[in-house]
PDB file of all heavy atoms in Angstrom:
ATOM      1  N   THR A   1     159.845  67.346 190.949  1.00  0.00           N
ATOM      2  CA  THR A   1     160.969  66.797 190.267  1.00  0.00           C
ATOM      3  C   THR A   1     162.077  66.386 191.211  1.00  0.00           C
ATOM      4  O   THR A   1     162.257  67.000 192.212  1.00  0.00           O
ATOM      5  CB  THR A   1     161.564  67.918 189.172  1.00  0.00           C
ATOM      6  OG1 THR A   1     160.530  68.128 188.204  1.00  0.00           O
ATOM      7  CG2 THR A   1     162.823  67.336 188.499  1.00  0.00           C
ATOM      8  N   GLU A   2     162.903  65.335 190.772  1.00  0.00           N
ATOM      9  CA  GLU A   2     163.929  64.814 191.701  1.00  0.00           C
ATOM     10  C   GLU A   2     165.291  64.774 190.913  1.00  0.00           C
ATOM     11  O   GLU A   2     165.265  64.245 189.764  1.00  0.00           O
ATOM     12  CB  GLU A   2     163.562  63.489 192.276  1.00  0.00           C
ATOM     13  CG  GLU A   2     164.639  62.891 193.163  1.00  0.00           C
ATOM     14  CD  GLU A   2     164.172  61.652 193.839  1.00  0.00           C
ATOM     15  OE1 GLU A   2     162.892  61.370 193.901  1.00  0.00           O
ATOM     16  OE2 GLU A   2     165.112  60.887 194.358  1.00  0.00           O
ATOM     17  N   ILE A   3     166.271  65.337 191.472  1.00  0.00           N
ATOM     18  CA  ILE A   3     167.607  65.333 190.942  1.00  0.00           C
ATOM     19  C   ILE A   3     168.414  64.305 191.703  1.00  0.00           C
ATOM     20  O   ILE A   3     168.693  64.459 192.843  1.00  0.00           O
ATOM     21  CB  ILE A   3     168.300  66.780 190.820  1.00  0.00           C
ATOM     22  CG1 ILE A   3     167.345  67.778 190.432  1.00  0.00           C
ATOM     23  CG2 ILE A   3     169.535  66.649 190.120  1.00  0.00           C
ATOM     24  CD1 ILE A   3     166.770  67.503 189.004  1.00  0.00           C
ATOM     25  N   GLY A   4     168.980  63.241 191.049  1.00  0.00           N
ATOM     26  CA  GLY A   4     169.586  62.140 191.647  1.00  0.00           C
ATOM     27  C   GLY A   4     170.943  62.549 192.246  1.00  0.00           C
ATOM     28  O   GLY A   4     171.538  63.597 191.988  1.00  0.00           O
ATOM     29  N   LYS A   5     171.481  61.738 193.013  1.00  0.00           N
ATOM     30  CA  LYS A   5     172.832  62.005 193.693  1.00  0.00           C
ATOM     31  C   LYS A   5     173.886  62.114 192.670  1.00  0.00           C
ATOM     32  O   LYS A   5     173.929  61.373 191.738  1.00  0.00           O
ATOM     33  CB  LYS A   5     173.243  60.777 194.635  1.00  0.00           C
ATOM     34  CG  LYS A   5     172.294  60.606 195.852  1.00  0.00           C
ATOM     35  CD  LYS A   5     172.797  59.352 196.640  1.00  0.00           C
ATOM     36  CE  LYS A   5     171.988  59.271 197.851  1.00  0.00           C
ATOM     37  NZ  LYS A   5     172.459  58.111 198.710  1.00  0.00           N
ATOM     38  N   GLY A   6     174.654  63.217 192.767  1.00  0.00           N
ATOM     39  CA  GLY A   6     175.842  63.420 191.854  1.00  0.00           C
ATOM     40  C   GLY A   6     175.457  63.945 190.515  1.00  0.00           C
ATOM     41  O   GLY A   6     176.314  64.104 189.623  1.00  0.00           O
ATOM     42  N   ALA A   7     174.129  64.155 190.288  1.00  0.00           N
ATOM     43  CA  ALA A   7     173.817  64.569 188.924  1.00  0.00           C
ATOM     44  C   ALA A   7     173.964  66.031 188.705  1.00  0.00           C
ATOM     45  O   ALA A   7     174.235  66.816 189.703  1.00  0.00           O
ATOM     46  CB  ALA A   7     172.255  64.261 188.744  1.00  0.00           C
ATOM     47  N   ARG A   8     174.078  66.484 187.430  1.00  0.00           N
ATOM     48  CA  ARG A   8     174.269  67.759 187.197  1.00  0.00           C
ATOM     49  C   ARG A   8     173.238  68.261 186.193  1.00  0.00           C
ATOM     50  O   ARG A   8     173.057  67.586 185.143  1.00  0.00           O
ATOM     51  CB  ARG A   8     175.659  67.976 186.529  1.00  0.00           C
ATOM     52  CG  ARG A   8     175.945  69.485 186.153  1.00  0.00           C
ATOM     53  CD  ARG A   8     177.385  69.736 185.681  1.00  0.00           C
ATOM     54  NE  ARG A   8     177.586  71.174 185.559  1.00  0.00           N
ATOM     55  CZ  ARG A   8     178.008  72.041 186.456  1.00  0.00           C
ATOM     56  NH1 ARG A   8     178.358  71.455 187.585  1.00  0.00           N
ATOM     57  NH2 ARG A   8     178.160  73.266 186.259  1.00  0.00           N
ATOM     58  N   VAL A   9     172.561  69.407 186.470  1.00  0.00           N
ATOM     59  CA  VAL A   9     171.526  70.020 185.649  1.00  0.00           C
ATOM     60  C   VAL A   9     171.976  71.326 185.341  1.00  0.00           C
ATOM     61  O   VAL A   9     172.159  72.250 186.178  1.00  0.00           O
ATOM     62  CB  VAL A   9     170.215  70.032 186.319  1.00  0.00           C
ATOM     63  CG1 VAL A   9     169.182  70.663 185.450  1.00  0.00           C
ATOM     64  CG2 VAL A   9     169.698  68.629 186.631  1.00  0.00           C
ATOM     65  N   GLY A  10     172.165  71.749 184.094  1.00  0.00           N
ATOM     66  CA  GLY A  10     172.562  73.026 183.634  1.00  0.00           C
ATOM     67  C   GLY A  10     174.087  73.255 183.767  1.00  0.00           C
ATOM     68  O   GLY A  10     174.902  72.428 184.227  1.00  0.00           O
ATOM     69  N   GLU A  11     174.450  74.484 183.219  1.00  0.00           N
ATOM     70  CA  GLU A  11     175.836  74.828 183.129  1.00  0.00           C
ATOM     71  C   GLU A  11     175.979  76.344 183.697  1.00  0.00           C
ATOM     72  O   GLU A  11     174.945  77.064 183.695  1.00  0.00           O
ATOM     73  CB  GLU A  11     176.444  74.762 181.703  1.00  0.00           C
ATOM     74  CG  GLU A  11     176.360  73.315 181.186  1.00  0.00           C
ATOM     75  CD  GLU A  11     176.756  73.244 179.783  1.00  0.00           C
ATOM     76  OE1 GLU A  11     177.529  74.110 179.338  1.00  0.00           O
ATOM     77  OE2 GLU A  11     176.254  72.317 179.085  1.00  0.00           O
ATOM     78  N   PRO A  12     177.122  76.812 184.015  1.00  0.00           N
ATOM     79  CA  PRO A  12     177.294  78.225 184.480  1.00  0.00           C
ATOM     80  C   PRO A  12     176.662  79.106 183.384  1.00  0.00           C
ATOM     81  O   PRO A  12     176.783  78.932 182.179  1.00  0.00           O
ATOM     82  CB  PRO A  12     178.815  78.432 184.547  1.00  0.00           C
ATOM     83  CG  PRO A  12     179.241  77.058 184.876  1.00  0.00           C
ATOM     84  CD  PRO A  12     178.408  76.069 184.113  1.00  0.00           C
ATOM     85  N   ARG A  13     176.001  80.247 183.874  1.00  0.00           N
ATOM     86  CA  ARG A  13     175.417  81.211 182.959  1.00  0.00           C
ATOM     87  C   ARG A  13     176.387  81.756 181.998  1.00  0.00           C
ATOM     88  O   ARG A  13     176.059  81.970 180.816  1.00  0.00           O
ATOM     89  CB  ARG A  13     174.769  82.335 183.720  1.00  0.00           C
ATOM     90  CG  ARG A  13     173.976  83.230 182.978  1.00  0.00           C
ATOM     91  CD  ARG A  13     173.370  84.340 183.882  1.00  0.00           C
ATOM     92  NE  ARG A  13     172.577  85.284 183.084  1.00  0.00           N
ATOM     93  CZ  ARG A  13     172.233  86.494 183.618  1.00  0.00           C
ATOM     94  NH1 ARG A  13     172.460  86.842 184.745  1.00  0.00           N
ATOM     95  NH2 ARG A  13     171.495  87.317 182.795  1.00  0.00           N
ATOM     96  N   ALA A  14     177.671  81.971 182.406  1.00  0.00           N
ATOM     97  CA  ALA A  14     178.707  82.506 181.558  1.00  0.00           C
ATOM     98  C   ALA A  14     179.003  81.648 180.337  1.00  0.00           C
ATOM     99  O   ALA A  14     179.683  82.129 179.406  1.00  0.00           O
ATOM    100  CB  ALA A  14     179.924  82.781 182.400  1.00  0.00           C
ATOM    101  N   ALA A  15     178.749  80.341 180.441  1.00  0.00           N
ATOM    102  CA  ALA A  15     179.046  79.533 179.310  1.00  0.00           C
ATOM    103  C   ALA A  15     178.171  79.774 178.094  1.00  0.00           C
ATOM    104  O   ALA A  15     178.677  79.426 176.930  1.00  0.00           O
ATOM    105  CB  ALA A  15     178.805  78.006 179.779  1.00  0.00           C
ATOM    106  N   GLY A  16     177.015  80.436 178.285  1.00  0.00           N
ATOM    107  CA  GLY A  16     176.279  80.880 177.140  1.00  0.00           C
ATOM    108  C   GLY A  16     175.507  79.840 176.441  1.00  0.00           C
ATOM    109  O   GLY A  16     174.962  80.041 175.286  1.00  0.00           O
ATOM    110  N   HIS A  17     175.234  78.729 177.139  1.00  0.00           N
ATOM    111  CA  HIS A  17     174.435  77.631 176.514  1.00  0.00           C
ATOM    112  C   HIS A  17     172.986  77.626 176.711  1.00  0.00           C
ATOM    113  O   HIS A  17     172.180  76.822 176.239  1.00  0.00           O
ATOM    114  CB  HIS A  17     174.986  76.281 176.914  1.00  0.00           C
ATOM    115  CG  HIS A  17     176.441  75.987 176.463  1.00  0.00           C
ATOM    116  ND1 HIS A  17     177.268  75.158 177.197  1.00  0.00           N
ATOM    117  CD2 HIS A  17     177.088  76.478 175.377  1.00  0.00           C
ATOM    118  CE1 HIS A  17     178.474  75.101 176.511  1.00  0.00           C
ATOM    119  NE2 HIS A  17     178.344  75.996 175.377  1.00  0.00           N
ATOM    120  N   GLY A  18     172.528  78.628 177.589  1.00  0.00           N
ATOM    121  CA  GLY A  18     171.120  78.845 177.842  1.00  0.00           C
ATOM    122  C   GLY A  18     170.698  78.124 179.153  1.00  0.00           C
ATOM    123  O   GLY A  18     171.478  77.457 179.783  1.00  0.00           O
ATOM    124  N   ILE A  19     169.363  78.253 179.440  1.00  0.00           N
ATOM    125  CA  ILE A  19     168.774  77.780 180.640  1.00  0.00           C
ATOM    126  C   ILE A  19     168.396  76.367 180.473  1.00  0.00           C
ATOM    127  O   ILE A  19     167.611  76.047 179.491  1.00  0.00           O
ATOM    128  CB  ILE A  19     167.568  78.692 181.062  1.00  0.00           C
ATOM    129  CG1 ILE A  19     168.057  80.067 181.322  1.00  0.00           C
ATOM    130  CG2 ILE A  19     166.926  78.053 182.328  1.00  0.00           C
ATOM    131  CD1 ILE A  19     166.914  81.061 181.334  1.00  0.00           C
ATOM    132  N   ALA A  20     168.770  75.529 181.334  1.00  0.00           N
ATOM    133  CA  ALA A  20     168.236  74.077 181.417  1.00  0.00           C
ATOM    134  C   ALA A  20     166.887  74.125 182.006  1.00  0.00           C
ATOM    135  O   ALA A  20     166.621  74.773 182.884  1.00  0.00           O
ATOM    136  CB  ALA A  20     169.230  73.170 182.198  1.00  0.00           C
ATOM    137  N   VAL A  21     165.975  73.306 181.450  1.00  0.00           N
ATOM    138  CA  VAL A  21     164.576  73.373 181.900  1.00  0.00           C
ATOM    139  C   VAL A  21     164.103  71.796 182.107  1.00  0.00           C
ATOM    140  O   VAL A  21     164.227  71.023 181.205  1.00  0.00           O
ATOM    141  CB  VAL A  21     163.572  74.091 180.931  1.00  0.00           C
ATOM    142  CG1 VAL A  21     162.210  73.976 181.406  1.00  0.00           C
ATOM    143  CG2 VAL A  21     164.076  75.517 180.640  1.00  0.00           C
ATOM    144  N   LEU A  22     163.543  71.499 183.204  1.00  0.00           N
ATOM    145  CA  LEU A  22     162.968  70.218 183.495  1.00  0.00           C
ATOM    146  C   LEU A  22     161.439  70.529 183.911  1.00  0.00           C
ATOM    147  O   LEU A  22     161.085  71.324 184.679  1.00  0.00           O
ATOM    148  CB  LEU A  22     163.593  69.584 184.747  1.00  0.00           C
ATOM    149  CG  LEU A  22     165.069  69.386 184.688  1.00  0.00           C
ATOM    150  CD1 LEU A  22     165.684  68.699 185.874  1.00  0.00           C
ATOM    151  CD2 LEU A  22     165.476  68.595 183.522  1.00  0.00           C
ATOM    152  N   GLY A  23     160.631  69.738 183.215  1.00  0.00           N
ATOM    153  CA  GLY A  23     159.093  69.752 183.377  1.00  0.00           C
ATOM    154  C   GLY A  23     158.799  69.096 184.668  1.00  0.00           C
ATOM    155  O   GLY A  23     159.622  68.405 185.376  1.00  0.00           O
ATOM    156  N   THR A  24     157.460  69.151 184.976  1.00  0.00           N
ATOM    157  CA  THR A  24     157.038  68.614 186.191  1.00  0.00           C
ATOM    158  C   THR A  24     157.113  67.077 186.228  1.00  0.00           C
ATOM    159  O   THR A  24     156.963  66.362 185.144  1.00  0.00           O
ATOM    160  CB  THR A  24     155.478  68.914 186.424  1.00  0.00           C
ATOM    161  OG1 THR A  24     155.019  68.411 187.685  1.00  0.00           O
ATOM    162  CG2 THR A  24     154.583  68.341 185.326  1.00  0.00           C
ATOM    163  N   GLY A  25     157.512  66.512 187.353  1.00  0.00           N
ATOM    164  CA  GLY A  25     157.689  65.011 187.431  1.00  0.00           C
ATOM    165  C   GLY A  25     158.840  64.394 186.908  1.00  0.00           C
ATOM    166  O   GLY A  25     158.923  63.169 186.970  1.00  0.00           O
ATOM    167  N   VAL A  26     159.822  65.124 186.427  1.00  0.00           N
ATOM    168  CA  VAL A  26     161.013  64.499 185.891  1.00  0.00           C
ATOM    169  C   VAL A  26     161.889  63.958 186.917  1.00  0.00           C
ATOM    170  O   VAL A  26     162.049  64.433 187.977  1.00  0.00           O
ATOM    171  CB  VAL A  26     161.766  65.540 184.981  1.00  0.00           C
ATOM    172  CG1 VAL A  26     163.146  65.088 184.553  1.00  0.00           C
ATOM    173  CG2 VAL A  26     161.007  65.991 183.810  1.00  0.00           C
ATOM    174  N   ARG A  27     162.517  62.742 186.611  1.00  0.00           N
ATOM    175  CA  ARG A  27     163.427  62.213 187.515  1.00  0.00           C
ATOM    176  C   ARG A  27     164.831  62.031 186.790  1.00  0.00           C
ATOM    177  O   ARG A  27     164.929  61.418 185.701  1.00  0.00           O
ATOM    178  CB  ARG A  27     163.015  60.737 187.856  1.00  0.00           C
ATOM    179  CG  ARG A  27     161.672  60.671 188.625  1.00  0.00           C
ATOM    180  CD  ARG A  27     161.816  61.286 190.007  1.00  0.00           C
ATOM    181  NE  ARG A  27     160.614  61.194 190.762  1.00  0.00           N
ATOM    182  CZ  ARG A  27     159.712  62.227 190.882  1.00  0.00           C
ATOM    183  NH1 ARG A  27     159.976  63.349 190.196  1.00  0.00           N
ATOM    184  NH2 ARG A  27     158.577  62.181 191.677  1.00  0.00           N
ATOM    185  N   VAL A  28     165.748  62.741 187.419  1.00  0.00           N
ATOM    186  CA  VAL A  28     167.132  62.657 186.790  1.00  0.00           C
ATOM    187  C   VAL A  28     167.980  61.754 187.515  1.00  0.00           C
ATOM    188  O   VAL A  28     168.129  61.753 188.777  1.00  0.00           O
ATOM    189  CB  VAL A  28     167.822  64.140 186.886  1.00  0.00           C
ATOM    190  CG1 VAL A  28     169.306  64.077 186.330  1.00  0.00           C
ATOM    191  CG2 VAL A  28     167.018  65.138 186.208  1.00  0.00           C
ATOM    192  N   ALA A  29     168.534  60.710 186.812  1.00  0.00           N
ATOM    193  CA  ALA A  29     169.174  59.631 187.553  1.00  0.00           C
ATOM    194  C   ALA A  29     170.456  60.102 188.126  1.00  0.00           C
ATOM    195  O   ALA A  29     171.095  61.103 187.889  1.00  0.00           O
ATOM    196  CB  ALA A  29     169.412  58.521 186.504  1.00  0.00           C
ATOM    197  N   GLU A  30     170.999  59.164 189.118  1.00  0.00           N
ATOM    198  CA  GLU A  30     172.252  59.382 189.787  1.00  0.00           C
ATOM    199  C   GLU A  30     173.321  59.702 188.680  1.00  0.00           C
ATOM    200  O   GLU A  30     173.498  58.942 187.715  1.00  0.00           O
ATOM    201  CB  GLU A  30     172.659  58.261 190.634  1.00  0.00           C
ATOM    202  CG  GLU A  30     171.833  58.129 191.932  1.00  0.00           C
ATOM    203  CD  GLU A  30     172.343  57.137 192.881  1.00  0.00           C
ATOM    204  OE1 GLU A  30     173.496  56.731 192.658  1.00  0.00           O
ATOM    205  OE2 GLU A  30     171.579  56.734 193.713  1.00  0.00           O
ATOM    206  N   ASN A  31     174.191  60.756 188.925  1.00  0.00           N
ATOM    207  CA  ASN A  31     175.370  61.094 188.097  1.00  0.00           C
ATOM    208  C   ASN A  31     175.031  61.415 186.634  1.00  0.00           C
ATOM    209  O   ASN A  31     175.876  61.496 185.765  1.00  0.00           O
ATOM    210  CB  ASN A  31     176.387  59.916 188.114  1.00  0.00           C
ATOM    211  CG  ASN A  31     176.885  59.693 189.499  1.00  0.00           C
ATOM    212  OD1 ASN A  31     177.183  60.508 190.266  1.00  0.00           O
ATOM    213  ND2 ASN A  31     176.809  58.343 189.939  1.00  0.00           N
ATOM    214  N   ALA A  32     173.643  61.590 186.350  1.00  0.00           N
ATOM    215  CA  ALA A  32     173.261  61.866 185.049  1.00  0.00           C
ATOM    216  C   ALA A  32     173.585  63.452 184.772  1.00  0.00           C
ATOM    217  O   ALA A  32     173.779  64.176 185.649  1.00  0.00           O
ATOM    218  CB  ALA A  32     171.814  61.691 184.839  1.00  0.00           C
ATOM    219  N   VAL A  33     173.559  63.784 183.404  1.00  0.00           N
ATOM    220  CA  VAL A  33     173.894  65.163 183.085  1.00  0.00           C
ATOM    221  C   VAL A  33     172.797  65.685 182.227  1.00  0.00           C
ATOM    222  O   VAL A  33     172.458  65.026 181.221  1.00  0.00           O
ATOM    223  CB  VAL A  33     175.272  65.302 182.389  1.00  0.00           C
ATOM    224  CG1 VAL A  33     175.511  66.738 181.864  1.00  0.00           C
ATOM    225  CG2 VAL A  33     176.439  64.824 183.295  1.00  0.00           C
ATOM    226  N   VAL A  34     172.271  66.905 182.527  1.00  0.00           N
ATOM    227  CA  VAL A  34     171.304  67.615 181.686  1.00  0.00           C
ATOM    228  C   VAL A  34     172.054  68.861 181.351  1.00  0.00           C
ATOM    229  O   VAL A  34     172.393  69.765 182.082  1.00  0.00           O
ATOM    230  CB  VAL A  34     170.005  67.984 182.413  1.00  0.00           C
ATOM    231  CG1 VAL A  34     169.109  68.714 181.502  1.00  0.00           C
ATOM    232  CG2 VAL A  34     169.311  66.707 182.839  1.00  0.00           C
TER     233      VAL A  34
END
């Protein structure tokens, strides 16, 4: 998996929103947010 420049995946654990999950082969674009 590749996380693009400036992208954000997930949030602090304390936020309580749960675990972000990316499957195999996912491409996260530059500055994108998961």
